[in-house]
């Protein structure tokens, strides 16, 4: 009797110290991929917090490569865009050079997802304080995407973002979109937010696509690894 084939192993560098695999990955792709995570120990969602951990990213990518990962993503959006688009590209390249693996970041993921859906003007709903929102806007502009409106929840606690209820996320998305209804769609930025339920509600109510950091991060990592990124949940991004 032959044993079932081993599922591909994909590596995640996540902000929390515990290094848990975000639930979106198993929800979207649990029957087609395995995930292994290493935690950075981010202290706060701010430039000060990012600066304290960013230099450890490459070493964690190397550890994931030793674990047998076939591709690696830095699964933190603001953590990967806070120094600008050039640094984001340089960081992914450094990860790839150190590991010999395809590597990406959540900031690359959101841009690729927006482009895949043809979204050039987006209203952004975030977990961030104003300084981080400004850096997000600059990153999007450098990536040829217009942030039409940006509003954040002003959260700096790493654990707190995961506790934001779906209703609050939906209300935030509705506010930023109604501020600029000429937007092509909505971006929810912050990998710690739990957004799968919110995506379904917002796409249904507003009739526009929604790209969210964590689901897009897994979508992108599957593609970088050469795997099928389609999934029955997650919204329009995962349909093709």
C-alpha atoms as a PDB file:
ATOM      1  CA  UNK A   1       0.000   0.000   0.000  1.00  0.00           C
ATOM      2  CA  UNK A   2       1.490   3.312  -1.071  1.00  0.00           C
ATOM      3  CA  UNK A   3       1.564   6.203   1.372  1.00  0.00           C
ATOM      4  CA  UNK A   4      -0.077   9.491   0.359  1.00  0.00           C
ATOM      5  CA  UNK A   5       2.271  12.105  -1.127  1.00  0.00           C
ATOM      6  CA  UNK A   6       3.788  14.591   1.283  1.00  0.00           C
ATOM      7  CA  UNK A   7       2.238  18.034   0.981  1.00  0.00           C
ATOM      8  CA  UNK A   8       4.511  20.959   0.066  1.00  0.00           C
ATOM      9  CA  UNK A   9       5.962  22.786   3.072  1.00  0.00           C
ATOM     10  CA  UNK A  10       5.864  26.586   2.931  1.00  0.00           C
ATOM     11  CA  UNK A  11       7.722  28.825   5.388  1.00  0.00           C
ATOM     12  CA  UNK A  12       6.324  31.854   7.184  1.00  0.00           C
ATOM     13  CA  UNK A  13       8.145  34.555   9.123  1.00  0.00           C
ATOM     14  CA  UNK A  14       5.485  36.050  11.392  1.00  0.00           C
ATOM     15  CA  UNK A  15       5.641  39.091  13.697  1.00  0.00           C
ATOM     16  CA  UNK A  16       4.503  37.513  17.025  1.00  0.00           C
ATOM     17  CA  UNK A  17       7.146  35.814  19.135  1.00  0.00           C
ATOM     18  CA  UNK A  18       5.159  32.570  19.427  1.00  0.00           C
ATOM     19  CA  UNK A  19       5.573  31.834  15.740  1.00  0.00           C
ATOM     20  CA  UNK A  20       2.119  30.347  15.256  1.00  0.00           C
ATOM     21  CA  UNK A  21       0.841  29.715  11.735  1.00  0.00           C
ATOM     22  CA  UNK A  22      -1.928  32.253  10.957  1.00  0.00           C
ATOM     23  CA  UNK A  23      -5.286  30.512  10.614  1.00  0.00           C
ATOM     24  CA  UNK A  24      -5.916  31.794   7.074  1.00  0.00           C
ATOM     25  CA  UNK A  25      -3.317  29.416   5.625  1.00  0.00           C
ATOM     26  CA  UNK A  26      -4.850  26.160   6.845  1.00  0.00           C
ATOM     27  CA  UNK A  27      -8.359  27.509   6.148  1.00  0.00           C
ATOM     28  CA  UNK A  28      -7.545  28.312   2.534  1.00  0.00           C
ATOM     29  CA  UNK A  29      -5.028  25.616   1.649  1.00  0.00           C
ATOM     30  CA  UNK A  30      -4.950  23.039   4.441  1.00  0.00           C
ATOM     31  CA  UNK A  31      -5.591  20.116   2.093  1.00  0.00           C
ATOM     32  CA  UNK A  32      -2.894  21.185  -0.375  1.00  0.00           C
ATOM     33  CA  UNK A  33       0.009  22.612   1.641  1.00  0.00           C
ATOM     34  CA  UNK A  34       1.666  22.553   5.047  1.00  0.00           C
ATOM     35  CA  UNK A  35       3.001  25.650   6.778  1.00  0.00           C
ATOM     36  CA  UNK A  36       5.852  26.188   9.215  1.00  0.00           C
ATOM     37  CA  UNK A  37       6.335  29.517  11.012  1.00  0.00           C
ATOM     38  CA  UNK A  38       9.109  31.288  12.885  1.00  0.00           C
ATOM     39  CA  UNK A  39       8.333  34.328  15.054  1.00  0.00           C
ATOM     40  CA  UNK A  40      10.194  37.648  15.104  1.00  0.00           C
ATOM     41  CA  UNK A  41       9.005  38.820  18.519  1.00  0.00           C
ATOM     42  CA  UNK A  42       7.678  42.178  17.290  1.00  0.00           C
ATOM     43  CA  UNK A  43       7.002  44.372  20.310  1.00  0.00           C
ATOM     44  CA  UNK A  44       4.674  46.933  18.764  1.00  0.00           C
ATOM     45  CA  UNK A  45       3.163  47.881  15.418  1.00  0.00           C
ATOM     46  CA  UNK A  46       5.259  50.981  14.850  1.00  0.00           C
ATOM     47  CA  UNK A  47       8.507  52.038  13.228  1.00  0.00           C
ATOM     48  CA  UNK A  48      10.269  51.570  16.564  1.00  0.00           C
ATOM     49  CA  UNK A  49       8.980  48.017  16.763  1.00  0.00           C
ATOM     50  CA  UNK A  50       9.950  47.199  13.188  1.00  0.00           C
ATOM     51  CA  UNK A  51      13.484  48.544  13.582  1.00  0.00           C
ATOM     52  CA  UNK A  52      14.041  46.271  16.577  1.00  0.00           C
ATOM     53  CA  UNK A  53      13.398  43.049  14.607  1.00  0.00           C
ATOM     54  CA  UNK A  54      13.903  43.661  10.894  1.00  0.00           C
ATOM     55  CA  UNK A  55      17.544  42.552  10.913  1.00  0.00           C
ATOM     56  CA  UNK A  56      16.515  39.058  12.073  1.00  0.00           C
ATOM     57  CA  UNK A  57      14.365  38.282   9.029  1.00  0.00           C
ATOM     58  CA  UNK A  58      17.067  36.688   6.869  1.00  0.00           C
ATOM     59  CA  UNK A  59      18.243  34.402   9.690  1.00  0.00           C
ATOM     60  CA  UNK A  60      14.691  33.146  10.199  1.00  0.00           C
ATOM     61  CA  UNK A  61      14.357  32.528   6.469  1.00  0.00           C
ATOM     62  CA  UNK A  62      17.489  30.399   6.662  1.00  0.00           C
ATOM     63  CA  UNK A  63      16.014  28.456   9.596  1.00  0.00           C
ATOM     64  CA  UNK A  64      12.853  27.763   7.600  1.00  0.00           C
ATOM     65  CA  UNK A  65      14.954  26.554   4.689  1.00  0.00           C
ATOM     66  CA  UNK A  66      16.671  24.105   7.041  1.00  0.00           C
ATOM     67  CA  UNK A  67      13.209  22.949   8.152  1.00  0.00           C
ATOM     68  CA  UNK A  68      12.548  21.926   4.558  1.00  0.00           C
ATOM     69  CA  UNK A  69      10.446  24.854   3.347  1.00  0.00           C
ATOM     70  CA  UNK A  70      10.093  25.133  -0.431  1.00  0.00           C
ATOM     71  CA  UNK A  71       9.388  28.882  -0.394  1.00  0.00           C
ATOM     72  CA  UNK A  72       9.360  31.570   2.317  1.00  0.00           C
ATOM     73  CA  UNK A  73       7.318  34.718   2.976  1.00  0.00           C
ATOM     74  CA  UNK A  74       7.750  37.515   5.489  1.00  0.00           C
ATOM     75  CA  UNK A  75       4.129  37.638   6.615  1.00  0.00           C
ATOM     76  CA  UNK A  76       4.058  41.183   7.924  1.00  0.00           C
ATOM     77  CA  UNK A  77       2.793  44.016   5.730  1.00  0.00           C
ATOM     78  CA  UNK A  78       3.954  47.167   7.494  1.00  0.00           C
ATOM     79  CA  UNK A  79       7.067  45.324   8.664  1.00  0.00           C
ATOM     80  CA  UNK A  80       8.060  44.869   5.031  1.00  0.00           C
ATOM     81  CA  UNK A  81       7.011  48.264   3.592  1.00  0.00           C
ATOM     82  CA  UNK A  82       8.056  50.639   6.370  1.00  0.00           C
ATOM     83  CA  UNK A  83      11.426  51.488   4.793  1.00  0.00           C
ATOM     84  CA  UNK A  84       9.998  51.909   1.303  1.00  0.00           C
ATOM     85  CA  UNK A  85       9.557  49.899  -1.884  1.00  0.00           C
ATOM     86  CA  UNK A  86      13.262  49.571  -2.703  1.00  0.00           C
ATOM     87  CA  UNK A  87      14.013  48.099   0.707  1.00  0.00           C
ATOM     88  CA  UNK A  88      11.096  45.671   0.339  1.00  0.00           C
ATOM     89  CA  UNK A  89      12.599  44.356  -2.895  1.00  0.00           C
ATOM     90  CA  UNK A  90      16.085  44.206  -1.376  1.00  0.00           C
ATOM     91  CA  UNK A  91      14.807  42.277   1.644  1.00  0.00           C
ATOM     92  CA  UNK A  92      13.107  39.614  -0.485  1.00  0.00           C
ATOM     93  CA  UNK A  93      16.253  39.338  -2.593  1.00  0.00           C
ATOM     94  CA  UNK A  94      18.412  38.920   0.525  1.00  0.00           C
ATOM     95  CA  UNK A  95      16.110  36.177   1.800  1.00  0.00           C
ATOM     96  CA  UNK A  96      16.329  34.386  -1.541  1.00  0.00           C
ATOM     97  CA  UNK A  97      20.121  34.721  -1.732  1.00  0.00           C
ATOM     98  CA  UNK A  98      20.552  33.325   1.781  1.00  0.00           C
ATOM     99  CA  UNK A  99      18.202  30.376   1.301  1.00  0.00           C
ATOM    100  CA  UNK A 100      18.331  29.524  -2.392  1.00  0.00           C
ATOM    101  CA  UNK A 101      14.515  29.488  -2.289  1.00  0.00           C
ATOM    102  CA  UNK A 102      11.767  31.598  -3.852  1.00  0.00           C
ATOM    103  CA  UNK A 103      11.030  34.307  -1.264  1.00  0.00           C
ATOM    104  CA  UNK A 104       8.452  37.048  -0.958  1.00  0.00           C
ATOM    105  CA  UNK A 105       6.863  39.444   1.525  1.00  0.00           C
ATOM    106  CA  UNK A 106       3.326  40.399   2.436  1.00  0.00           C
ATOM    107  CA  UNK A 107       3.891  43.830   0.904  1.00  0.00           C
ATOM    108  CA  UNK A 108       4.730  42.196  -2.419  1.00  0.00           C
ATOM    109  CA  UNK A 109       1.610  40.080  -1.914  1.00  0.00           C
ATOM    110  CA  UNK A 110      -0.837  42.957  -1.593  1.00  0.00           C
ATOM    111  CA  UNK A 111       0.542  44.715  -4.656  1.00  0.00           C
ATOM    112  CA  UNK A 112       0.442  41.540  -6.752  1.00  0.00           C
ATOM    113  CA  UNK A 113      -3.097  40.836  -5.567  1.00  0.00           C
ATOM    114  CA  UNK A 114      -4.283  44.358  -6.382  1.00  0.00           C
ATOM    115  CA  UNK A 115      -2.739  44.107  -9.831  1.00  0.00           C
ATOM    116  CA  UNK A 116      -4.225  40.655 -10.418  1.00  0.00           C
ATOM    117  CA  UNK A 117      -7.675  42.146  -9.817  1.00  0.00           C
ATOM    118  CA  UNK A 118      -6.942  45.228 -11.923  1.00  0.00           C
ATOM    119  CA  UNK A 119      -7.249  47.602  -8.953  1.00  0.00           C
ATOM    120  CA  UNK A 120      -5.309  50.830  -9.496  1.00  0.00           C
ATOM    121  CA  UNK A 121      -7.248  53.107  -7.124  1.00  0.00           C
ATOM    122  CA  UNK A 122      -7.889  51.652  -3.681  1.00  0.00           C
ATOM    123  CA  UNK A 123      -9.425  52.778  -0.418  1.00  0.00           C
ATOM    124  CA  UNK A 124      -7.279  51.425   2.414  1.00  0.00           C
ATOM    125  CA  UNK A 125      -8.636  50.247   5.768  1.00  0.00           C
ATOM    126  CA  UNK A 126      -5.806  49.499   8.198  1.00  0.00           C
ATOM    127  CA  UNK A 127      -4.954  48.679  11.792  1.00  0.00           C
ATOM    128  CA  UNK A 128      -2.268  51.375  11.833  1.00  0.00           C
ATOM    129  CA  UNK A 129      -1.376  54.666  13.431  1.00  0.00           C
ATOM    130  CA  UNK A 130      -0.980  57.696  11.148  1.00  0.00           C
ATOM    131  CA  UNK A 131       2.789  57.346  10.626  1.00  0.00           C
ATOM    132  CA  UNK A 132       2.392  53.777   9.375  1.00  0.00           C
ATOM    133  CA  UNK A 133      -0.580  54.776   7.206  1.00  0.00           C
ATOM    134  CA  UNK A 134       1.610  57.440   5.575  1.00  0.00           C
ATOM    135  CA  UNK A 135       4.270  54.816   4.844  1.00  0.00           C
ATOM    136  CA  UNK A 136       1.645  52.506   3.351  1.00  0.00           C
ATOM    137  CA  UNK A 137       0.427  55.283   1.075  1.00  0.00           C
ATOM    138  CA  UNK A 138       3.993  55.981  -0.066  1.00  0.00           C
ATOM    139  CA  UNK A 139       4.582  52.291  -0.759  1.00  0.00           C
ATOM    140  CA  UNK A 140       1.405  52.010  -2.822  1.00  0.00           C
ATOM    141  CA  UNK A 141       2.246  55.132  -4.817  1.00  0.00           C
ATOM    142  CA  UNK A 142       5.740  53.765  -5.525  1.00  0.00           C
ATOM    143  CA  UNK A 143       4.008  50.616  -6.788  1.00  0.00           C
ATOM    144  CA  UNK A 144       1.792  52.647  -9.178  1.00  0.00           C
ATOM    145  CA  UNK A 145      -1.330  52.210  -7.061  1.00  0.00           C
ATOM    146  CA  UNK A 146      -3.304  55.258  -5.907  1.00  0.00           C
ATOM    147  CA  UNK A 147      -4.471  55.229  -2.279  1.00  0.00           C
ATOM    148  CA  UNK A 148      -7.694  57.204  -2.594  1.00  0.00           C
ATOM    149  CA  UNK A 149      -8.479  57.185   1.137  1.00  0.00           C
ATOM    150  CA  UNK A 150      -6.681  55.708   4.135  1.00  0.00           C
ATOM    151  CA  UNK A 151      -8.097  55.198   7.619  1.00  0.00           C
ATOM    152  CA  UNK A 152      -6.583  53.180  10.450  1.00  0.00           C
ATOM    153  CA  UNK A 153      -7.667  51.842  13.823  1.00  0.00           C
ATOM    154  CA  UNK A 154      -4.561  53.286  15.536  1.00  0.00           C
ATOM    155  CA  UNK A 155      -3.586  49.946  17.071  1.00  0.00           C
ATOM    156  CA  UNK A 156       0.016  49.373  18.145  1.00  0.00           C
ATOM    157  CA  UNK A 157      -0.425  46.186  20.176  1.00  0.00           C
ATOM    158  CA  UNK A 158       0.518  43.013  18.313  1.00  0.00           C
ATOM    159  CA  UNK A 159      -2.018  40.850  20.151  1.00  0.00           C
ATOM    160  CA  UNK A 160      -4.811  43.441  19.927  1.00  0.00           C
ATOM    161  CA  UNK A 161      -5.097  43.349  16.137  1.00  0.00           C
ATOM    162  CA  UNK A 162      -6.276  39.759  16.169  1.00  0.00           C
ATOM    163  CA  UNK A 163      -9.158  40.683  18.475  1.00  0.00           C
ATOM    164  CA  UNK A 164     -10.746  43.293  16.170  1.00  0.00           C
ATOM    165  CA  UNK A 165     -14.296  42.022  15.479  1.00  0.00           C
ATOM    166  CA  UNK A 166     -15.605  41.442  11.982  1.00  0.00           C
ATOM    167  CA  UNK A 167     -18.277  44.122  12.416  1.00  0.00           C
ATOM    168  CA  UNK A 168     -15.620  46.756  13.145  1.00  0.00           C
ATOM    169  CA  UNK A 169     -13.641  45.770  10.055  1.00  0.00           C
ATOM    170  CA  UNK A 170     -16.731  45.890   7.874  1.00  0.00           C
ATOM    171  CA  UNK A 171     -17.646  49.335   9.202  1.00  0.00           C
ATOM    172  CA  UNK A 172     -14.112  50.604   8.567  1.00  0.00           C
ATOM    173  CA  UNK A 173     -14.150  49.305   4.999  1.00  0.00           C
ATOM    174  CA  UNK A 174     -17.524  50.923   4.373  1.00  0.00           C
ATOM    175  CA  UNK A 175     -16.271  54.279   5.697  1.00  0.00           C
ATOM    176  CA  UNK A 176     -13.120  54.421   3.577  1.00  0.00           C
ATOM    177  CA  UNK A 177     -14.945  53.290   0.465  1.00  0.00           C
ATOM    178  CA  UNK A 178     -17.793  55.764   0.897  1.00  0.00           C
ATOM    179  CA  UNK A 179     -15.225  58.514   1.367  1.00  0.00           C
ATOM    180  CA  UNK A 180     -14.047  57.719  -2.180  1.00  0.00           C
ATOM    181  CA  UNK A 181     -16.648  55.654  -4.031  1.00  0.00           C
ATOM    182  CA  UNK A 182     -14.627  56.132  -7.240  1.00  0.00           C
ATOM    183  CA  UNK A 183     -12.139  53.598  -5.847  1.00  0.00           C
ATOM    184  CA  UNK A 184     -11.691  50.352  -7.789  1.00  0.00           C
ATOM    185  CA  UNK A 185     -11.708  48.321  -4.586  1.00  0.00           C
ATOM    186  CA  UNK A 186     -10.594  48.074  -0.976  1.00  0.00           C
ATOM    187  CA  UNK A 187      -7.313  47.098   0.665  1.00  0.00           C
ATOM    188  CA  UNK A 188      -7.338  45.842   4.264  1.00  0.00           C
ATOM    189  CA  UNK A 189      -3.767  46.214   5.477  1.00  0.00           C
ATOM    190  CA  UNK A 190      -2.297  44.427   8.507  1.00  0.00           C
ATOM    191  CA  UNK A 191      -1.510  40.744   8.579  1.00  0.00           C
ATOM    192  CA  UNK A 192      -2.758  40.337  12.134  1.00  0.00           C
ATOM    193  CA  UNK A 193      -6.357  41.242  11.319  1.00  0.00           C
ATOM    194  CA  UNK A 194      -8.793  38.339  10.949  1.00  0.00           C
ATOM    195  CA  UNK A 195     -10.524  39.271   7.716  1.00  0.00           C
ATOM    196  CA  UNK A 196     -11.937  36.285   5.812  1.00  0.00           C
ATOM    197  CA  UNK A 197     -15.487  36.844   7.091  1.00  0.00           C
ATOM    198  CA  UNK A 198     -15.236  40.598   6.548  1.00  0.00           C
ATOM    199  CA  UNK A 199     -14.078  40.153   2.948  1.00  0.00           C
ATOM    200  CA  UNK A 200     -17.186  38.151   2.077  1.00  0.00           C
ATOM    201  CA  UNK A 201     -19.507  40.695   3.673  1.00  0.00           C
ATOM    202  CA  UNK A 202     -17.851  43.771   2.164  1.00  0.00           C
ATOM    203  CA  UNK A 203     -17.625  42.329  -1.351  1.00  0.00           C
ATOM    204  CA  UNK A 204     -21.307  41.429  -1.184  1.00  0.00           C
ATOM    205  CA  UNK A 205     -22.478  44.773   0.241  1.00  0.00           C
ATOM    206  CA  UNK A 206     -20.323  47.142  -1.793  1.00  0.00           C
ATOM    207  CA  UNK A 207     -19.875  45.109  -4.960  1.00  0.00           C
ATOM    208  CA  UNK A 208     -16.139  45.763  -5.230  1.00  0.00           C
ATOM    209  CA  UNK A 209     -13.137  43.451  -4.727  1.00  0.00           C
ATOM    210  CA  UNK A 210     -11.316  43.371  -1.400  1.00  0.00           C
ATOM    211  CA  UNK A 211      -7.645  42.487  -0.948  1.00  0.00           C
ATOM    212  CA  UNK A 212      -6.554  41.745   2.601  1.00  0.00           C
ATOM    213  CA  UNK A 213      -3.009  41.265   3.874  1.00  0.00           C
ATOM    214  CA  UNK A 214      -3.089  37.792   5.402  1.00  0.00           C
ATOM    215  CA  UNK A 215      -5.196  35.986   2.776  1.00  0.00           C
ATOM    216  CA  UNK A 216      -3.232  37.736   0.020  1.00  0.00           C
ATOM    217  CA  UNK A 217       0.004  36.712   1.720  1.00  0.00           C
ATOM    218  CA  UNK A 218      -0.922  33.034   1.493  1.00  0.00           C
ATOM    219  CA  UNK A 219      -2.253  33.457  -2.077  1.00  0.00           C
ATOM    220  CA  UNK A 220       1.068  35.024  -3.077  1.00  0.00           C
ATOM    221  CA  UNK A 221       3.207  32.414  -1.306  1.00  0.00           C
ATOM    222  CA  UNK A 222       1.351  29.594  -3.059  1.00  0.00           C
ATOM    223  CA  UNK A 223       2.036  31.259  -6.403  1.00  0.00           C
ATOM    224  CA  UNK A 224       5.693  31.932  -5.585  1.00  0.00           C
ATOM    225  CA  UNK A 225       6.029  28.245  -4.722  1.00  0.00           C
ATOM    226  CA  UNK A 226       4.492  27.279  -8.073  1.00  0.00           C
ATOM    227  CA  UNK A 227       1.269  25.967  -6.541  1.00  0.00           C
ATOM    228  CA  UNK A 228      -2.407  26.515  -7.379  1.00  0.00           C
ATOM    229  CA  UNK A 229      -3.580  29.619  -5.498  1.00  0.00           C
ATOM    230  CA  UNK A 230      -7.305  29.131  -6.021  1.00  0.00           C
ATOM    231  CA  UNK A 231      -9.477  28.499  -2.953  1.00  0.00           C
ATOM    232  CA  UNK A 232     -13.222  28.335  -2.240  1.00  0.00           C
ATOM    233  CA  UNK A 233     -12.961  30.997   0.467  1.00  0.00           C
ATOM    234  CA  UNK A 234     -11.239  34.369   0.456  1.00  0.00           C
ATOM    235  CA  UNK A 235     -13.231  36.362  -2.055  1.00  0.00           C
ATOM    236  CA  UNK A 236     -12.685  37.326  -5.684  1.00  0.00           C
ATOM    237  CA  UNK A 237      -8.901  37.105  -5.493  1.00  0.00           C
ATOM    238  CA  UNK A 238      -9.086  33.337  -5.027  1.00  0.00           C
ATOM    239  CA  UNK A 239     -11.462  32.576  -7.858  1.00  0.00           C
ATOM    240  CA  UNK A 240      -8.850  32.256 -10.601  1.00  0.00           C
END
